[in-house]
């Protein structure tokens, strides 16, 4: 066994290597601990972010629900507004028609000239009812027949109608209005097939009729206001025509009588 002593330099080198290995191991442990801590932070942070996301999703759903409710309410309000607008237009039209009715009634009784009254009746039928082709018949006081007074938009094939003859004569004898089922025609209907026949009455006495054979193109049906206008014609027009006829007859008789008196005075 050798008694040579160990080299002290080799021992020192070994100690240095051991120290470096220990230091390196400690660094690995610290890095490992740091990484584990970081992983734990990330895991904790991820778990904490789930709650806010769920809360946001819940708020988004609530907002979407409220938005849908607001849109539904908006559509209902929009529909109501349209209904009110349509109703306003309808009321405005009715007010306008009522004003026209007043003017027409005033015009009918503003004169006792027979020809002028007939002309006003024609204007009412054209402008207010919207008739394009029609005929006006007046009852002959002597014969009782319906004599043609005037025509508009269509030539009448006859000049008189017997009471009870056809739709015109039947309306005159019964005193009831006649309205066809379909009034939307592009050309005047045949004379004997009118779209409407309106008797002109004073109480129960018929003094004439209005026979309508065509309406304006834009008018495809009779409205409630049209029926009110027909009622106006049945009463006011009849009264105005009858009064103007009496006045005309009285004026002629008065003129004749005055001429006879003047002639007697001369003698």
C-alpha atoms as a PDB file:
ATOM      1  CA  UNK A   1       0.000   0.000   0.000  1.00  0.00           C
ATOM      2  CA  UNK A   2       1.392   3.228  -1.153  1.00  0.00           C
ATOM      3  CA  UNK A   3       2.026   5.902   1.357  1.00  0.00           C
ATOM      4  CA  UNK A   4       2.081   8.632  -1.289  1.00  0.00           C
ATOM      5  CA  UNK A   5      -0.100  11.440  -0.122  1.00  0.00           C
ATOM      6  CA  UNK A   6      -3.147  12.560  -2.319  1.00  0.00           C
ATOM      7  CA  UNK A   7      -2.705  15.581  -4.501  1.00  0.00           C
ATOM      8  CA  UNK A   8      -4.493  18.488  -2.746  1.00  0.00           C
ATOM      9  CA  UNK A   9      -5.166  20.148  -6.134  1.00  0.00           C
ATOM     10  CA  UNK A  10      -7.362  17.249  -7.246  1.00  0.00           C
ATOM     11  CA  UNK A  11      -9.484  17.539  -4.108  1.00  0.00           C
ATOM     12  CA  UNK A  12     -10.020  21.197  -4.677  1.00  0.00           C
ATOM     13  CA  UNK A  13     -11.125  20.600  -8.238  1.00  0.00           C
ATOM     14  CA  UNK A  14     -13.630  17.992  -7.133  1.00  0.00           C
ATOM     15  CA  UNK A  15     -15.064  20.345  -4.551  1.00  0.00           C
ATOM     16  CA  UNK A  16     -15.572  23.034  -7.152  1.00  0.00           C
ATOM     17  CA  UNK A  17     -17.347  20.628  -9.495  1.00  0.00           C
ATOM     18  CA  UNK A  18     -19.611  19.490  -6.663  1.00  0.00           C
ATOM     19  CA  UNK A  19     -20.438  23.054  -5.734  1.00  0.00           C
ATOM     20  CA  UNK A  20     -21.333  23.924  -9.313  1.00  0.00           C
ATOM     21  CA  UNK A  21     -23.535  20.851  -9.568  1.00  0.00           C
ATOM     22  CA  UNK A  22     -25.271  21.785  -6.341  1.00  0.00           C
ATOM     23  CA  UNK A  23     -25.775  25.372  -7.511  1.00  0.00           C
ATOM     24  CA  UNK A  24     -27.140  24.189 -10.859  1.00  0.00           C
ATOM     25  CA  UNK A  25     -29.538  21.819  -9.106  1.00  0.00           C
ATOM     26  CA  UNK A  26     -30.798  24.616  -6.873  1.00  0.00           C
ATOM     27  CA  UNK A  27     -31.364  26.827  -9.917  1.00  0.00           C
ATOM     28  CA  UNK A  28     -33.345  24.032 -11.594  1.00  0.00           C
ATOM     29  CA  UNK A  29     -35.477  23.632  -8.470  1.00  0.00           C
ATOM     30  CA  UNK A  30     -36.156  27.372  -8.279  1.00  0.00           C
ATOM     31  CA  UNK A  31     -37.035  27.529 -11.985  1.00  0.00           C
ATOM     32  CA  UNK A  32     -39.293  24.540 -11.586  1.00  0.00           C
ATOM     33  CA  UNK A  33     -41.014  26.175  -8.612  1.00  0.00           C
ATOM     34  CA  UNK A  34     -41.431  29.437 -10.582  1.00  0.00           C
ATOM     35  CA  UNK A  35     -42.931  27.601 -13.528  1.00  0.00           C
ATOM     36  CA  UNK A  36     -45.309  25.670 -11.294  1.00  0.00           C
ATOM     37  CA  UNK A  37     -46.391  28.914  -9.659  1.00  0.00           C
ATOM     38  CA  UNK A  38     -46.955  30.473 -13.067  1.00  0.00           C
ATOM     39  CA  UNK A  39     -49.007  27.492 -14.200  1.00  0.00           C
ATOM     40  CA  UNK A  40     -51.096  27.757 -11.055  1.00  0.00           C
ATOM     41  CA  UNK A  41     -51.683  31.471 -11.750  1.00  0.00           C
ATOM     42  CA  UNK A  42     -52.763  30.748 -15.312  1.00  0.00           C
ATOM     43  CA  UNK A  43     -55.102  28.002 -14.189  1.00  0.00           C
ATOM     44  CA  UNK A  44     -56.591  30.257 -11.533  1.00  0.00           C
ATOM     45  CA  UNK A  45     -56.929  33.120 -14.014  1.00  0.00           C
ATOM     46  CA  UNK A  46     -58.654  30.876 -16.559  1.00  0.00           C
ATOM     47  CA  UNK A  47     -61.126  29.641 -14.005  1.00  0.00           C
ATOM     48  CA  UNK A  48     -61.856  33.212 -12.935  1.00  0.00           C
ATOM     49  CA  UNK A  49     -62.471  34.402 -16.533  1.00  0.00           C
ATOM     50  CA  UNK A  50     -65.228  31.877 -17.081  1.00  0.00           C
ATOM     51  CA  UNK A  51     -67.594  33.678 -14.716  1.00  0.00           C
ATOM     52  CA  UNK A  52     -67.323  37.088 -16.445  1.00  0.00           C
ATOM     53  CA  UNK A  53     -67.819  35.442 -19.838  1.00  0.00           C
ATOM     54  CA  UNK A  54     -70.953  33.690 -18.651  1.00  0.00           C
ATOM     55  CA  UNK A  55     -72.216  36.956 -17.173  1.00  0.00           C
ATOM     56  CA  UNK A  56     -71.572  38.773 -20.441  1.00  0.00           C
ATOM     57  CA  UNK A  57     -73.370  36.091 -22.402  1.00  0.00           C
ATOM     58  CA  UNK A  58     -76.357  36.393 -20.060  1.00  0.00           C
ATOM     59  CA  UNK A  59     -76.430  40.179 -20.501  1.00  0.00           C
ATOM     60  CA  UNK A  60     -76.206  39.807 -24.267  1.00  0.00           C
ATOM     61  CA  UNK A  61     -79.174  37.419 -24.267  1.00  0.00           C
ATOM     62  CA  UNK A  62     -81.183  39.833 -22.097  1.00  0.00           C
ATOM     63  CA  UNK A  63     -80.370  42.691 -24.465  1.00  0.00           C
ATOM     64  CA  UNK A  64     -81.339  40.603 -27.484  1.00  0.00           C
ATOM     65  CA  UNK A  65     -84.656  39.728 -25.809  1.00  0.00           C
ATOM     66  CA  UNK A  66     -85.340  43.380 -25.009  1.00  0.00           C
ATOM     67  CA  UNK A  67     -84.391  44.371 -28.554  1.00  0.00           C
ATOM     68  CA  UNK A  68     -86.857  41.842 -29.944  1.00  0.00           C
ATOM     69  CA  UNK A  69     -89.576  43.245 -27.648  1.00  0.00           C
ATOM     70  CA  UNK A  70     -88.798  46.806 -28.741  1.00  0.00           C
ATOM     71  CA  UNK A  71     -88.933  45.776 -32.411  1.00  0.00           C
ATOM     72  CA  UNK A  72     -92.297  44.057 -31.834  1.00  0.00           C
ATOM     73  CA  UNK A  73     -93.656  47.165 -30.099  1.00  0.00           C
ATOM     74  CA  UNK A  74     -92.333  49.358 -32.888  1.00  0.00           C
ATOM     75  CA  UNK A  75     -94.134  47.246 -35.483  1.00  0.00           C
ATOM     76  CA  UNK A  76     -97.379  47.454 -33.480  1.00  0.00           C
ATOM     77  CA  UNK A  77     -97.052  51.231 -33.137  1.00  0.00           C
ATOM     78  CA  UNK A  78     -96.233  51.520 -36.835  1.00  0.00           C
ATOM     79  CA  UNK A  79     -99.345  49.509 -37.716  1.00  0.00           C
ATOM     80  CA  UNK A  80    -101.460  51.691 -35.401  1.00  0.00           C
ATOM     81  CA  UNK A  81    -100.009  54.837 -36.952  1.00  0.00           C
ATOM     82  CA  UNK A  82    -100.890  53.563 -40.423  1.00  0.00           C
ATOM     83  CA  UNK A  83    -104.400  52.758 -39.235  1.00  0.00           C
ATOM     84  CA  UNK A  84    -104.761  56.254 -37.754  1.00  0.00           C
ATOM     85  CA  UNK A  85    -103.410  57.801 -40.966  1.00  0.00           C
ATOM     86  CA  UNK A  86    -105.889  55.825 -43.086  1.00  0.00           C
ATOM     87  CA  UNK A  87    -108.693  56.781 -40.728  1.00  0.00           C
ATOM     88  CA  UNK A  88    -107.644  60.429 -40.909  1.00  0.00           C
ATOM     89  CA  UNK A  89    -107.704  60.320 -44.713  1.00  0.00           C
ATOM     90  CA  UNK A  90    -111.139  58.697 -44.613  1.00  0.00           C
ATOM     91  CA  UNK A  91    -112.480  61.340 -42.201  1.00  0.00           C
ATOM     92  CA  UNK A  92    -110.922  64.100 -44.309  1.00  0.00           C
ATOM     93  CA  UNK A  93    -112.637  62.682 -47.392  1.00  0.00           C
ATOM     94  CA  UNK A  94    -115.949  62.465 -45.551  1.00  0.00           C
ATOM     95  CA  UNK A  95    -115.626  66.067 -44.385  1.00  0.00           C
ATOM     96  CA  UNK A  96    -114.887  67.118 -47.952  1.00  0.00           C
ATOM     97  CA  UNK A  97    -117.902  65.185 -49.218  1.00  0.00           C
ATOM     98  CA  UNK A  98    -120.111  66.733 -46.534  1.00  0.00           C
ATOM     99  CA  UNK A  99    -118.955  70.165 -47.638  1.00  0.00           C
ATOM    100  CA  UNK A 100    -119.756  69.221 -51.225  1.00  0.00           C
ATOM    101  CA  UNK A 101    -123.180  67.994 -50.100  1.00  0.00           C
ATOM    102  CA  UNK A 102    -123.865  71.326 -48.452  1.00  0.00           C
ATOM    103  CA  UNK A 103    -122.775  73.245 -51.548  1.00  0.00           C
ATOM    104  CA  UNK A 104    -124.834  71.002 -53.822  1.00  0.00           C
ATOM    105  CA  UNK A 105    -127.924  71.373 -51.619  1.00  0.00           C
ATOM    106  CA  UNK A 106    -127.470  75.134 -51.525  1.00  0.00           C
ATOM    107  CA  UNK A 107    -127.080  75.326 -55.306  1.00  0.00           C
ATOM    108  CA  UNK A 108    -130.180  73.228 -55.910  1.00  0.00           C
ATOM    109  CA  UNK A 109    -132.339  75.671 -53.951  1.00  0.00           C
ATOM    110  CA  UNK A 110    -130.592  78.832 -55.076  1.00  0.00           C
ATOM    111  CA  UNK A 111    -132.640  79.237 -58.260  1.00  0.00           C
ATOM    112  CA  UNK A 112    -136.123  78.654 -59.614  1.00  0.00           C
ATOM    113  CA  UNK A 113    -135.000  78.452 -63.219  1.00  0.00           C
ATOM    114  CA  UNK A 114    -135.899  74.951 -64.400  1.00  0.00           C
ATOM    115  CA  UNK A 115    -133.028  74.598 -66.882  1.00  0.00           C
ATOM    116  CA  UNK A 116    -130.544  75.839 -64.292  1.00  0.00           C
ATOM    117  CA  UNK A 117    -131.790  73.296 -61.730  1.00  0.00           C
ATOM    118  CA  UNK A 118    -131.431  70.458 -64.230  1.00  0.00           C
ATOM    119  CA  UNK A 119    -127.907  71.630 -65.028  1.00  0.00           C
ATOM    120  CA  UNK A 120    -127.005  71.656 -61.311  1.00  0.00           C
ATOM    121  CA  UNK A 121    -128.361  68.116 -60.950  1.00  0.00           C
ATOM    122  CA  UNK A 122    -126.136  67.079 -63.863  1.00  0.00           C
ATOM    123  CA  UNK A 123    -123.091  68.640 -62.180  1.00  0.00           C
ATOM    124  CA  UNK A 124    -123.840  66.793 -58.941  1.00  0.00           C
ATOM    125  CA  UNK A 125    -124.102  63.465 -60.764  1.00  0.00           C
ATOM    126  CA  UNK A 126    -120.861  64.102 -62.667  1.00  0.00           C
ATOM    127  CA  UNK A 127    -118.670  65.717 -60.015  1.00  0.00           C
ATOM    128  CA  UNK A 128    -119.873  64.179 -56.766  1.00  0.00           C
ATOM    129  CA  UNK A 129    -121.141  60.756 -57.740  1.00  0.00           C
ATOM    130  CA  UNK A 130    -118.597  60.324 -60.516  1.00  0.00           C
ATOM    131  CA  UNK A 131    -120.967  59.278 -63.295  1.00  0.00           C
ATOM    132  CA  UNK A 132    -119.726  59.526 -66.866  1.00  0.00           C
ATOM    133  CA  UNK A 133    -122.824  58.349 -68.748  1.00  0.00           C
ATOM    134  CA  UNK A 134    -126.357  58.876 -67.424  1.00  0.00           C
ATOM    135  CA  UNK A 135    -129.881  59.976 -68.339  1.00  0.00           C
ATOM    136  CA  UNK A 136    -132.417  62.145 -66.501  1.00  0.00           C
ATOM    137  CA  UNK A 137    -136.127  61.436 -67.009  1.00  0.00           C
ATOM    138  CA  UNK A 138    -138.965  63.645 -65.730  1.00  0.00           C
ATOM    139  CA  UNK A 139    -142.548  62.439 -65.249  1.00  0.00           C
ATOM    140  CA  UNK A 140    -144.955  64.004 -67.734  1.00  0.00           C
ATOM    141  CA  UNK A 141    -147.822  65.537 -65.756  1.00  0.00           C
ATOM    142  CA  UNK A 142    -150.312  64.838 -68.556  1.00  0.00           C
ATOM    143  CA  UNK A 143    -149.393  61.357 -69.766  1.00  0.00           C
ATOM    144  CA  UNK A 144    -147.600  59.974 -66.666  1.00  0.00           C
ATOM    145  CA  UNK A 145    -144.737  58.684 -68.787  1.00  0.00           C
ATOM    146  CA  UNK A 146    -141.054  59.303 -68.063  1.00  0.00           C
ATOM    147  CA  UNK A 147    -139.842  61.763 -70.657  1.00  0.00           C
ATOM    148  CA  UNK A 148    -136.134  62.107 -71.386  1.00  0.00           C
ATOM    149  CA  UNK A 149    -134.931  65.499 -70.138  1.00  0.00           C
ATOM    150  CA  UNK A 150    -131.182  65.239 -70.817  1.00  0.00           C
ATOM    151  CA  UNK A 151    -128.410  62.687 -71.438  1.00  0.00           C
ATOM    152  CA  UNK A 152    -124.682  62.741 -70.702  1.00  0.00           C
ATOM    153  CA  UNK A 153    -122.024  60.483 -72.207  1.00  0.00           C
ATOM    154  CA  UNK A 154    -124.502  58.212 -74.007  1.00  0.00           C
ATOM    155  CA  UNK A 155    -127.250  58.696 -76.572  1.00  0.00           C
ATOM    156  CA  UNK A 156    -130.625  57.448 -75.415  1.00  0.00           C
ATOM    157  CA  UNK A 157    -132.351  55.183 -77.984  1.00  0.00           C
ATOM    158  CA  UNK A 158    -135.769  56.287 -76.722  1.00  0.00           C
ATOM    159  CA  UNK A 159    -137.324  59.533 -75.537  1.00  0.00           C
ATOM    160  CA  UNK A 160    -139.832  58.153 -73.030  1.00  0.00           C
ATOM    161  CA  UNK A 161    -140.323  55.167 -70.727  1.00  0.00           C
ATOM    162  CA  UNK A 162    -143.575  53.768 -69.427  1.00  0.00           C
ATOM    163  CA  UNK A 163    -143.860  53.247 -65.613  1.00  0.00           C
ATOM    164  CA  UNK A 164    -143.049  49.601 -64.812  1.00  0.00           C
ATOM    165  CA  UNK A 165    -141.181  49.136 -68.112  1.00  0.00           C
ATOM    166  CA  UNK A 166    -137.652  47.780 -67.637  1.00  0.00           C
ATOM    167  CA  UNK A 167    -135.408  48.667 -64.744  1.00  0.00           C
ATOM    168  CA  UNK A 168    -135.986  52.403 -65.218  1.00  0.00           C
ATOM    169  CA  UNK A 169    -139.778  52.159 -65.317  1.00  0.00           C
ATOM    170  CA  UNK A 170    -139.800  49.643 -62.446  1.00  0.00           C
ATOM    171  CA  UNK A 171    -137.761  51.967 -60.213  1.00  0.00           C
ATOM    172  CA  UNK A 172    -140.145  54.816 -61.077  1.00  0.00           C
ATOM    173  CA  UNK A 173    -143.257  52.807 -60.249  1.00  0.00           C
ATOM    174  CA  UNK A 174    -141.856  51.283 -57.029  1.00  0.00           C
ATOM    175  CA  UNK A 175    -139.905  54.318 -55.834  1.00  0.00           C
ATOM    176  CA  UNK A 176    -136.955  52.094 -54.861  1.00  0.00           C
ATOM    177  CA  UNK A 177    -133.344  52.581 -55.888  1.00  0.00           C
ATOM    178  CA  UNK A 178    -131.749  49.992 -58.155  1.00  0.00           C
ATOM    179  CA  UNK A 179    -128.030  49.109 -58.010  1.00  0.00           C
ATOM    180  CA  UNK A 180    -126.260  46.559 -60.198  1.00  0.00           C
ATOM    181  CA  UNK A 181    -123.921  44.031 -58.592  1.00  0.00           C
ATOM    182  CA  UNK A 182    -120.993  45.005 -60.815  1.00  0.00           C
ATOM    183  CA  UNK A 183    -120.488  48.698 -61.584  1.00  0.00           C
ATOM    184  CA  UNK A 184    -116.845  48.541 -62.793  1.00  0.00           C
ATOM    185  CA  UNK A 185    -117.294  48.827 -66.564  1.00  0.00           C
ATOM    186  CA  UNK A 186    -114.927  50.313 -69.137  1.00  0.00           C
ATOM    187  CA  UNK A 187    -117.698  51.454 -71.498  1.00  0.00           C
ATOM    188  CA  UNK A 188    -121.304  52.512 -70.913  1.00  0.00           C
ATOM    189  CA  UNK A 189    -123.638  49.627 -70.201  1.00  0.00           C
ATOM    190  CA  UNK A 190    -126.621  49.107 -72.528  1.00  0.00           C
ATOM    191  CA  UNK A 191    -129.359  51.678 -72.006  1.00  0.00           C
ATOM    192  CA  UNK A 192    -131.784  49.060 -70.686  1.00  0.00           C
ATOM    193  CA  UNK A 193    -129.138  47.666 -68.266  1.00  0.00           C
ATOM    194  CA  UNK A 194    -128.187  50.660 -66.088  1.00  0.00           C
ATOM    195  CA  UNK A 195    -125.709  50.405 -63.233  1.00  0.00           C
ATOM    196  CA  UNK A 196    -128.007  52.411 -60.981  1.00  0.00           C
ATOM    197  CA  UNK A 197    -131.469  53.971 -61.136  1.00  0.00           C
ATOM    198  CA  UNK A 198    -132.361  56.654 -58.569  1.00  0.00           C
ATOM    199  CA  UNK A 199    -136.005  57.803 -58.371  1.00  0.00           C
ATOM    200  CA  UNK A 200    -136.478  61.509 -57.612  1.00  0.00           C
ATOM    201  CA  UNK A 201    -139.204  61.583 -54.961  1.00  0.00           C
ATOM    202  CA  UNK A 202    -141.210  64.079 -52.969  1.00  0.00           C
ATOM    203  CA  UNK A 203    -142.490  61.937 -50.117  1.00  0.00           C
ATOM    204  CA  UNK A 204    -143.980  58.972 -52.005  1.00  0.00           C
ATOM    205  CA  UNK A 205    -144.502  60.745 -55.328  1.00  0.00           C
ATOM    206  CA  UNK A 206    -141.882  60.097 -58.021  1.00  0.00           C
ATOM    207  CA  UNK A 207    -141.326  63.122 -60.266  1.00  0.00           C
ATOM    208  CA  UNK A 208    -138.400  61.666 -62.246  1.00  0.00           C
ATOM    209  CA  UNK A 209    -135.462  59.224 -62.284  1.00  0.00           C
ATOM    210  CA  UNK A 210    -131.715  59.300 -62.912  1.00  0.00           C
ATOM    211  CA  UNK A 211    -130.361  56.302 -64.808  1.00  0.00           C
ATOM    212  CA  UNK A 212    -126.561  55.794 -64.612  1.00  0.00           C
ATOM    213  CA  UNK A 213    -124.789  53.656 -67.234  1.00  0.00           C
ATOM    214  CA  UNK A 214    -121.103  54.345 -66.566  1.00  0.00           C
ATOM    215  CA  UNK A 215    -118.900  55.603 -63.734  1.00  0.00           C
ATOM    216  CA  UNK A 216    -115.491  57.198 -63.961  1.00  0.00           C
ATOM    217  CA  UNK A 217    -112.627  54.736 -64.565  1.00  0.00           C
ATOM    218  CA  UNK A 218    -111.179  55.125 -61.067  1.00  0.00           C
ATOM    219  CA  UNK A 219    -114.557  54.444 -59.469  1.00  0.00           C
ATOM    220  CA  UNK A 220    -115.117  50.697 -59.182  1.00  0.00           C
ATOM    221  CA  UNK A 221    -117.909  50.643 -56.589  1.00  0.00           C
ATOM    222  CA  UNK A 222    -120.460  52.840 -54.875  1.00  0.00           C
ATOM    223  CA  UNK A 223    -119.421  54.153 -51.454  1.00  0.00           C
ATOM    224  CA  UNK A 224    -121.448  55.066 -48.381  1.00  0.00           C
ATOM    225  CA  UNK A 225    -121.132  58.712 -49.395  1.00  0.00           C
ATOM    226  CA  UNK A 226    -122.560  57.840 -52.831  1.00  0.00           C
ATOM    227  CA  UNK A 227    -125.664  56.386 -51.207  1.00  0.00           C
ATOM    228  CA  UNK A 228    -126.018  59.591 -49.151  1.00  0.00           C
ATOM    229  CA  UNK A 229    -125.710  61.576 -52.363  1.00  0.00           C
ATOM    230  CA  UNK A 230    -128.413  59.420 -53.953  1.00  0.00           C
ATOM    231  CA  UNK A 231    -130.619  60.179 -50.947  1.00  0.00           C
ATOM    232  CA  UNK A 232    -129.887  63.874 -51.482  1.00  0.00           C
ATOM    233  CA  UNK A 233    -130.841  63.601 -55.133  1.00  0.00           C
ATOM    234  CA  UNK A 234    -133.977  61.636 -54.297  1.00  0.00           C
ATOM    235  CA  UNK A 235    -135.198  64.426 -52.035  1.00  0.00           C
ATOM    236  CA  UNK A 236    -133.542  67.790 -52.640  1.00  0.00           C
ATOM    237  CA  UNK A 237    -133.186  67.490 -56.401  1.00  0.00           C
ATOM    238  CA  UNK A 238    -136.786  66.341 -56.714  1.00  0.00           C
ATOM    239  CA  UNK A 239    -137.997  69.292 -54.628  1.00  0.00           C
ATOM    240  CA  UNK A 240    -135.880  71.772 -56.597  1.00  0.00           C
ATOM    241  CA  UNK A 241    -137.034  70.392 -59.966  1.00  0.00           C
ATOM    242  CA  UNK A 242    -140.690  70.330 -58.896  1.00  0.00           C
ATOM    243  CA  UNK A 243    -140.557  73.874 -57.510  1.00  0.00           C
ATOM    244  CA  UNK A 244    -138.828  75.222 -60.601  1.00  0.00           C
ATOM    245  CA  UNK A 245    -141.401  73.522 -62.844  1.00  0.00           C
ATOM    246  CA  UNK A 246    -144.262  75.045 -60.854  1.00  0.00           C
ATOM    247  CA  UNK A 247    -142.574  78.416 -61.018  1.00  0.00           C
ATOM    248  CA  UNK A 248    -142.056  78.114 -64.773  1.00  0.00           C
ATOM    249  CA  UNK A 249    -145.683  77.113 -65.324  1.00  0.00           C
ATOM    250  CA  UNK A 250    -146.897  79.884 -63.015  1.00  0.00           C
ATOM    251  CA  UNK A 251    -144.650  82.408 -64.751  1.00  0.00           C
ATOM    252  CA  UNK A 252    -146.034  81.388 -68.165  1.00  0.00           C
ATOM    253  CA  UNK A 253    -149.593  81.539 -66.917  1.00  0.00           C
ATOM    254  CA  UNK A 254    -148.936  84.887 -65.296  1.00  0.00           C
ATOM    255  CA  UNK A 255    -147.424  86.183 -68.519  1.00  0.00           C
ATOM    256  CA  UNK A 256    -150.396  84.879 -70.496  1.00  0.00           C
ATOM    257  CA  UNK A 257    -152.867  86.376 -68.029  1.00  0.00           C
ATOM    258  CA  UNK A 258    -151.035  89.697 -68.017  1.00  0.00           C
ATOM    259  CA  UNK A 259    -151.087  89.731 -71.814  1.00  0.00           C
ATOM    260  CA  UNK A 260    -154.819  88.989 -71.800  1.00  0.00           C
ATOM    261  CA  UNK A 261    -155.436  91.802 -69.307  1.00  0.00           C
ATOM    262  CA  UNK A 262    -153.346  94.212 -71.344  1.00  0.00           C
ATOM    263  CA  UNK A 263    -155.300  93.251 -74.432  1.00  0.00           C
ATOM    264  CA  UNK A 264    -158.618  93.830 -72.607  1.00  0.00           C
ATOM    265  CA  UNK A 265    -157.436  97.226 -71.445  1.00  0.00           C
ATOM    266  CA  UNK A 266    -156.571  98.204 -74.987  1.00  0.00           C
ATOM    267  CA  UNK A 267    -160.066  97.278 -76.094  1.00  0.00           C
END
